[in-house]
Amino acid sequence: MKKLVVIIIIAGAAYYYYDAKGSNEYTLQDSASNPIPKERFYDLWTEVAINSCKHAEDSYNTTEKRCKDDIYVKSNSCSRKFYSELPDFIDNKEASKQYGRKYLDCIMPYYYCNGVEVRSEQEAREHCG
């Protein structure tokens, strides 16, 4: 019985360690001390965008779910669009912000009026009035 308890504890600790390490292996804040490979860079910025959906009703006039869905749909095409511009590793905050800003501009939802994402003043006049 004691062996079983020890095995469960070890397995739980290993799972916790690898799960936590995998999700926190790279951060945008620590790019200078732990450079982010280009393959992971846009995933981190997508997480930032997804977190902003908590305020979707106030910021975008839409639901949190629709905000997240829009970001996931846009993330593939936007990452492909800008991927070739990235260096192999992003190793400072300035570069992270520079590349991240373009990506966020591409994946973030715009404001919604009457269920329609409004991207221009003309569209706002058509759908918000």
C-alpha atoms as a PDB file:
ATOM      1  CA  MET A   1       0.000   0.000   0.000  1.00  0.00           C
ATOM      2  CA  LYS A   2       2.848   2.401   0.857  1.00  0.00           C
ATOM      3  CA  LYS A   3       4.480   1.689  -2.508  1.00  0.00           C
ATOM      4  CA  LEU A   4       1.262   2.580  -4.298  1.00  0.00           C
ATOM      5  CA  VAL A   5       1.007   5.898  -2.423  1.00  0.00           C
ATOM      6  CA  VAL A   6       4.647   6.722  -3.216  1.00  0.00           C
ATOM      7  CA  ILE A   7       4.139   5.880  -6.900  1.00  0.00           C
ATOM      8  CA  ILE A   8       1.043   8.089  -7.066  1.00  0.00           C
ATOM      9  CA  ILE A   9       2.879  10.971  -5.396  1.00  0.00           C
ATOM     10  CA  ILE A  10       5.873  10.644  -7.744  1.00  0.00           C
ATOM     11  CA  ALA A  11       3.621  10.407 -10.804  1.00  0.00           C
ATOM     12  CA  GLY A  12       1.627  13.442  -9.676  1.00  0.00           C
ATOM     13  CA  ALA A  13       4.795  15.459  -9.045  1.00  0.00           C
ATOM     14  CA  ALA A  14       6.228  14.502 -12.436  1.00  0.00           C
ATOM     15  CA  TYR A  15       2.999  15.416 -14.194  1.00  0.00           C
ATOM     16  CA  TYR A  16       2.848  18.766 -12.389  1.00  0.00           C
ATOM     17  CA  TYR A  17       6.497  19.524 -13.193  1.00  0.00           C
ATOM     18  CA  TYR A  18       6.245  18.703 -16.902  1.00  0.00           C
ATOM     19  CA  ASP A  19       2.863  20.357 -17.316  1.00  0.00           C
ATOM     20  CA  ALA A  20       4.023  23.570 -15.630  1.00  0.00           C
ATOM     21  CA  LYS A  21       7.358  23.573 -17.466  1.00  0.00           C
ATOM     22  CA  GLY A  22       5.680  23.028 -20.831  1.00  0.00           C
ATOM     23  CA  SER A  23       3.252  25.895 -20.419  1.00  0.00           C
ATOM     24  CA  ASN A  24       5.791  28.302 -18.904  1.00  0.00           C
ATOM     25  CA  GLU A  25       8.880  27.323 -20.847  1.00  0.00           C
ATOM     26  CA  TYR A  26       8.961  30.702 -22.614  1.00  0.00           C
ATOM     27  CA  THR A  27       7.488  34.052 -21.671  1.00  0.00           C
ATOM     28  CA  LEU A  28       7.343  37.331 -23.514  1.00  0.00           C
ATOM     29  CA  GLN A  29       8.735  39.116 -20.458  1.00  0.00           C
ATOM     30  CA  ASP A  30      11.839  36.898 -20.237  1.00  0.00           C
ATOM     31  CA  SER A  31      12.806  36.892 -23.899  1.00  0.00           C
ATOM     32  CA  ALA A  32      16.181  38.517 -23.146  1.00  0.00           C
ATOM     33  CA  SER A  33      17.260  35.824 -20.693  1.00  0.00           C
ATOM     34  CA  ASN A  34      15.383  32.966 -22.402  1.00  0.00           C
ATOM     35  CA  PRO A  35      15.087  33.681 -26.156  1.00  0.00           C
ATOM     36  CA  ILE A  36      11.845  32.522 -27.732  1.00  0.00           C
ATOM     37  CA  PRO A  37      12.132  30.318 -30.821  1.00  0.00           C
ATOM     38  CA  LYS A  38      10.113  31.628 -33.735  1.00  0.00           C
ATOM     39  CA  GLU A  39       8.028  28.434 -33.690  1.00  0.00           C
ATOM     40  CA  ARG A  40       6.611  29.396 -30.254  1.00  0.00           C
ATOM     41  CA  PHE A  41       6.506  33.179 -30.548  1.00  0.00           C
ATOM     42  CA  TYR A  42       3.041  33.658 -32.024  1.00  0.00           C
ATOM     43  CA  ASP A  43       1.575  31.069 -29.641  1.00  0.00           C
ATOM     44  CA  LEU A  44       2.560  33.332 -26.742  1.00  0.00           C
ATOM     45  CA  TRP A  45       0.983  36.379 -28.366  1.00  0.00           C
ATOM     46  CA  THR A  46      -2.155  34.357 -29.112  1.00  0.00           C
ATOM     47  CA  GLU A  47      -2.393  33.646 -25.367  1.00  0.00           C
ATOM     48  CA  VAL A  48      -2.220  37.393 -24.712  1.00  0.00           C
ATOM     49  CA  ALA A  49      -5.028  37.984 -27.190  1.00  0.00           C
ATOM     50  CA  ILE A  50      -7.160  35.193 -25.734  1.00  0.00           C
ATOM     51  CA  ASN A  51      -6.739  36.684 -22.251  1.00  0.00           C
ATOM     52  CA  SER A  52      -8.068  39.997 -23.536  1.00  0.00           C
ATOM     53  CA  CYS A  53     -11.347  38.261 -24.384  1.00  0.00           C
ATOM     54  CA  LYS A  54     -12.266  38.335 -20.700  1.00  0.00           C
ATOM     55  CA  HIS A  55     -13.344  41.923 -21.391  1.00  0.00           C
ATOM     56  CA  ALA A  56     -14.911  41.230 -24.795  1.00  0.00           C
ATOM     57  CA  GLU A  57     -18.298  42.694 -23.965  1.00  0.00           C
ATOM     58  CA  ASP A  58     -16.821  46.062 -22.965  1.00  0.00           C
ATOM     59  CA  SER A  59     -13.964  46.173 -25.476  1.00  0.00           C
ATOM     60  CA  TYR A  60     -15.475  44.595 -28.581  1.00  0.00           C
ATOM     61  CA  ASN A  61     -19.230  44.457 -27.906  1.00  0.00           C
ATOM     62  CA  THR A  62     -19.251  40.666 -28.333  1.00  0.00           C
ATOM     63  CA  THR A  63     -19.141  37.530 -26.216  1.00  0.00           C
ATOM     64  CA  GLU A  64     -15.990  36.033 -24.756  1.00  0.00           C
ATOM     65  CA  LYS A  65     -16.558  32.851 -26.766  1.00  0.00           C
ATOM     66  CA  ARG A  66     -16.945  34.681 -30.068  1.00  0.00           C
ATOM     67  CA  CYS A  67     -13.848  36.760 -29.308  1.00  0.00           C
ATOM     68  CA  LYS A  68     -11.799  33.601 -28.697  1.00  0.00           C
ATOM     69  CA  ASP A  69     -13.244  31.872 -31.759  1.00  0.00           C
ATOM     70  CA  ASP A  70     -12.352  34.870 -33.948  1.00  0.00           C
ATOM     71  CA  ILE A  71      -8.793  34.899 -32.626  1.00  0.00           C
ATOM     72  CA  TYR A  72      -8.299  31.179 -33.205  1.00  0.00           C
ATOM     73  CA  VAL A  73      -9.637  31.451 -36.756  1.00  0.00           C
ATOM     74  CA  LYS A  74      -7.390  34.410 -37.586  1.00  0.00           C
ATOM     75  CA  SER A  75      -4.270  33.077 -35.824  1.00  0.00           C
ATOM     76  CA  ASN A  76      -3.324  30.521 -38.494  1.00  0.00           C
ATOM     77  CA  SER A  77      -3.445  32.884 -41.445  1.00  0.00           C
ATOM     78  CA  CYS A  78      -1.844  35.751 -39.524  1.00  0.00           C
ATOM     79  CA  SER A  79       1.039  33.645 -38.232  1.00  0.00           C
ATOM     80  CA  ARG A  80       1.717  32.368 -41.755  1.00  0.00           C
ATOM     81  CA  LYS A  81       1.557  35.922 -43.065  1.00  0.00           C
ATOM     82  CA  PHE A  82       4.259  37.236 -40.699  1.00  0.00           C
ATOM     83  CA  TYR A  83       6.276  34.084 -39.915  1.00  0.00           C
ATOM     84  CA  SER A  84       8.990  34.715 -42.520  1.00  0.00           C
ATOM     85  CA  GLU A  85       9.752  38.124 -40.950  1.00  0.00           C
ATOM     86  CA  LEU A  86      10.726  36.587 -37.611  1.00  0.00           C
ATOM     87  CA  PRO A  87      14.351  35.918 -36.699  1.00  0.00           C
ATOM     88  CA  ASP A  88      15.094  32.370 -35.524  1.00  0.00           C
ATOM     89  CA  PHE A  89      14.953  33.572 -31.906  1.00  0.00           C
ATOM     90  CA  ILE A  90      13.314  36.639 -30.379  1.00  0.00           C
ATOM     91  CA  ASP A  91      15.738  37.723 -27.696  1.00  0.00           C
ATOM     92  CA  ASN A  92      14.635  41.164 -26.496  1.00  0.00           C
ATOM     93  CA  LYS A  93      11.459  42.948 -25.460  1.00  0.00           C
ATOM     94  CA  GLU A  94      11.646  45.558 -28.208  1.00  0.00           C
ATOM     95  CA  ALA A  95      11.681  42.952 -30.969  1.00  0.00           C
ATOM     96  CA  SER A  96       8.954  41.026 -29.185  1.00  0.00           C
ATOM     97  CA  LYS A  97       6.738  44.119 -29.097  1.00  0.00           C
ATOM     98  CA  GLN A  98       7.539  45.069 -32.681  1.00  0.00           C
ATOM     99  CA  TYR A  99       6.654  41.674 -34.158  1.00  0.00           C
ATOM    100  CA  GLY A 100       3.882  41.060 -31.648  1.00  0.00           C
ATOM    101  CA  ARG A 101       2.086  44.329 -32.439  1.00  0.00           C
ATOM    102  CA  LYS A 102       1.725  43.424 -36.122  1.00  0.00           C
ATOM    103  CA  TYR A 103       0.440  39.980 -35.217  1.00  0.00           C
ATOM    104  CA  LEU A 104      -2.032  41.308 -32.645  1.00  0.00           C
ATOM    105  CA  ASP A 105      -3.342  43.871 -35.123  1.00  0.00           C
ATOM    106  CA  CYS A 106      -4.091  40.960 -37.432  1.00  0.00           C
ATOM    107  CA  ILE A 107      -5.755  38.564 -34.955  1.00  0.00           C
ATOM    108  CA  MET A 108      -7.613  40.848 -32.554  1.00  0.00           C
ATOM    109  CA  PRO A 109     -11.310  41.320 -33.148  1.00  0.00           C
ATOM    110  CA  TYR A 110     -12.672  44.712 -34.077  1.00  0.00           C
ATOM    111  CA  TYR A 111     -15.724  46.275 -32.481  1.00  0.00           C
ATOM    112  CA  TYR A 112     -19.064  44.586 -33.193  1.00  0.00           C
ATOM    113  CA  CYS A 113     -22.249  46.433 -34.081  1.00  0.00           C
ATOM    114  CA  ASN A 114     -25.453  44.446 -34.324  1.00  0.00           C
ATOM    115  CA  GLY A 115     -23.448  41.211 -34.560  1.00  0.00           C
ATOM    116  CA  VAL A 116     -21.166  42.413 -37.379  1.00  0.00           C
ATOM    117  CA  GLU A 117     -17.439  43.030 -36.935  1.00  0.00           C
ATOM    118  CA  VAL A 118     -16.867  46.644 -37.981  1.00  0.00           C
ATOM    119  CA  ARG A 119     -13.464  47.344 -39.530  1.00  0.00           C
ATOM    120  CA  SER A 120     -13.914  50.785 -41.048  1.00  0.00           C
ATOM    121  CA  GLU A 121     -15.810  54.015 -40.587  1.00  0.00           C
ATOM    122  CA  GLN A 122     -17.972  53.123 -43.570  1.00  0.00           C
ATOM    123  CA  GLU A 123     -18.911  49.764 -42.030  1.00  0.00           C
ATOM    124  CA  ALA A 124     -19.656  51.519 -38.736  1.00  0.00           C
ATOM    125  CA  ARG A 125     -22.093  53.847 -40.487  1.00  0.00           C
ATOM    126  CA  GLU A 126     -23.782  50.875 -42.129  1.00  0.00           C
ATOM    127  CA  HIS A 127     -24.099  48.619 -39.090  1.00  0.00           C
ATOM    128  CA  CYS A 128     -23.977  50.778 -35.966  1.00  0.00           C
ATOM    129  CA  GLY A 129     -26.531  53.437 -36.794  1.00  0.00           C
END
